[in-house]
Amino acid sequence: PKEFDFRPDPRVWRVRFSSLAPQDLQKAFENLQKPNPWEALAVDARQEIDLKVGVALSRLITTHLRDSVADLCPQREDGKSPMIS
């Protein structure tokens, strides 16, 4: 995608490393690369998926917890389910 293509800009570089060991970081900084716009879009997609899955999982856990401990909580005066937060 053209709008994410930083390759022509001489100021933008990417360092790739998977370890914080000093020798690995040194090697990574000695081998700077131009960013790949497709990888940037993939990162955005993963973040959005993680957010949506996290929201769904939180709802599932909260619903299950509320149903599991409802008998341990005092009844509310308005007759609604106990509030779990």
Protein backbone atom coordinates (compact mmCIF):
# COMPACT_ATOMS: atom_id res chain seq x y z
CA PRO A 1 0.00 0.00 0.00
CA LYS A 2 1.37 3.31 -1.09
CA GLU A 3 0.14 5.32 1.92
CA PHE A 4 2.21 3.13 4.28
CA ASP A 5 5.33 2.92 2.15
CA PHE A 6 8.20 4.54 4.07
CA ARG A 7 10.92 3.01 1.89
CA PRO A 8 11.66 6.21 -0.09
CA ASP A 9 12.10 8.23 3.12
CA PRO A 10 15.80 8.11 4.07
CA ARG A 11 15.00 8.90 7.73
CA VAL A 12 12.88 5.80 8.41
CA TRP A 13 14.62 2.52 9.25
CA ARG A 14 13.62 -0.61 11.13
CA VAL A 15 15.70 -2.65 13.50
CA ARG A 16 14.75 -6.34 13.79
CA PHE A 17 15.58 -8.32 16.91
CA SER A 18 14.02 -11.09 18.94
CA SER A 19 16.41 -11.11 21.87
CA LEU A 20 17.64 -8.44 24.26
CA ALA A 21 21.07 -10.03 24.53
CA PRO A 22 23.70 -7.34 23.87
CA GLN A 23 25.28 -9.24 20.97
CA ASP A 24 21.88 -9.73 19.29
CA LEU A 25 21.01 -6.05 19.66
CA GLN A 26 24.40 -5.01 18.31
CA LYS A 27 23.93 -7.26 15.28
CA ALA A 28 20.41 -5.91 14.71
CA PHE A 29 21.58 -2.28 14.77
CA GLU A 30 24.34 -3.14 12.33
CA ASN A 31 21.74 -4.53 9.90
CA LEU A 32 19.04 -1.85 9.70
CA GLN A 33 16.30 -2.45 7.14
CA LYS A 34 13.64 -0.39 5.43
CA PRO A 35 10.15 -1.05 6.85
CA ASN A 36 7.79 -3.34 4.97
CA PRO A 37 4.34 -1.71 4.61
CA TRP A 38 2.61 -5.11 4.44
CA GLU A 39 4.12 -6.14 7.77
CA ALA A 40 2.91 -2.88 9.29
CA LEU A 41 -0.64 -3.65 8.14
CA ALA A 42 -0.35 -7.18 9.52
CA VAL A 43 0.61 -5.76 12.93
CA ASP A 44 -2.45 -3.48 12.84
CA ALA A 45 -4.69 -6.45 11.98
CA ARG A 46 -3.25 -8.56 14.82
CA GLN A 47 -3.82 -5.73 17.31
CA GLU A 48 -7.44 -5.37 16.25
CA ILE A 49 -8.03 -9.13 16.44
CA ASP A 50 -6.39 -9.26 19.90
CA LEU A 51 -8.64 -6.45 21.11
CA LYS A 52 -11.84 -8.08 19.82
CA VAL A 53 -10.93 -11.52 21.18
CA GLY A 54 -9.99 -9.96 24.52
CA VAL A 55 -13.35 -8.19 24.80
CA ALA A 56 -15.24 -11.38 23.94
CA LEU A 57 -13.19 -13.44 26.39
CA SER A 58 -13.72 -10.88 29.17
CA ARG A 59 -17.48 -11.01 28.62
CA LEU A 60 -17.46 -14.81 28.64
CA ILE A 61 -15.44 -14.98 31.87
CA THR A 62 -17.57 -12.34 33.58
CA THR A 63 -20.82 -14.06 32.58
CA HIS A 64 -19.54 -17.44 33.74
CA LEU A 65 -18.27 -15.98 37.01
CA ARG A 66 -21.54 -14.15 37.66
CA ASP A 67 -23.54 -17.34 37.05
CA SER A 68 -21.14 -19.43 39.17
CA VAL A 69 -21.07 -17.23 42.26
CA ALA A 70 -24.59 -15.82 42.17
CA ASP A 71 -25.63 -18.02 45.10
CA LEU A 72 -22.71 -16.68 47.17
CA CYS A 73 -23.70 -13.04 46.72
CA PRO A 74 -26.46 -11.37 48.67
CA GLN A 75 -29.65 -10.72 46.71
CA ARG A 76 -30.09 -7.22 45.40
CA GLU A 77 -33.16 -5.30 46.48
CA ASP A 78 -34.14 -4.59 42.89
CA GLY A 79 -34.14 -8.33 42.00
CA LYS A 80 -31.35 -8.02 39.42
CA SER A 81 -28.32 -10.29 39.22
CA PRO A 82 -25.44 -9.50 41.57
CA MET A 83 -22.98 -6.98 40.21
CA ILE A 84 -19.53 -8.45 39.56
CA SER A 85 -16.78 -6.03 38.60
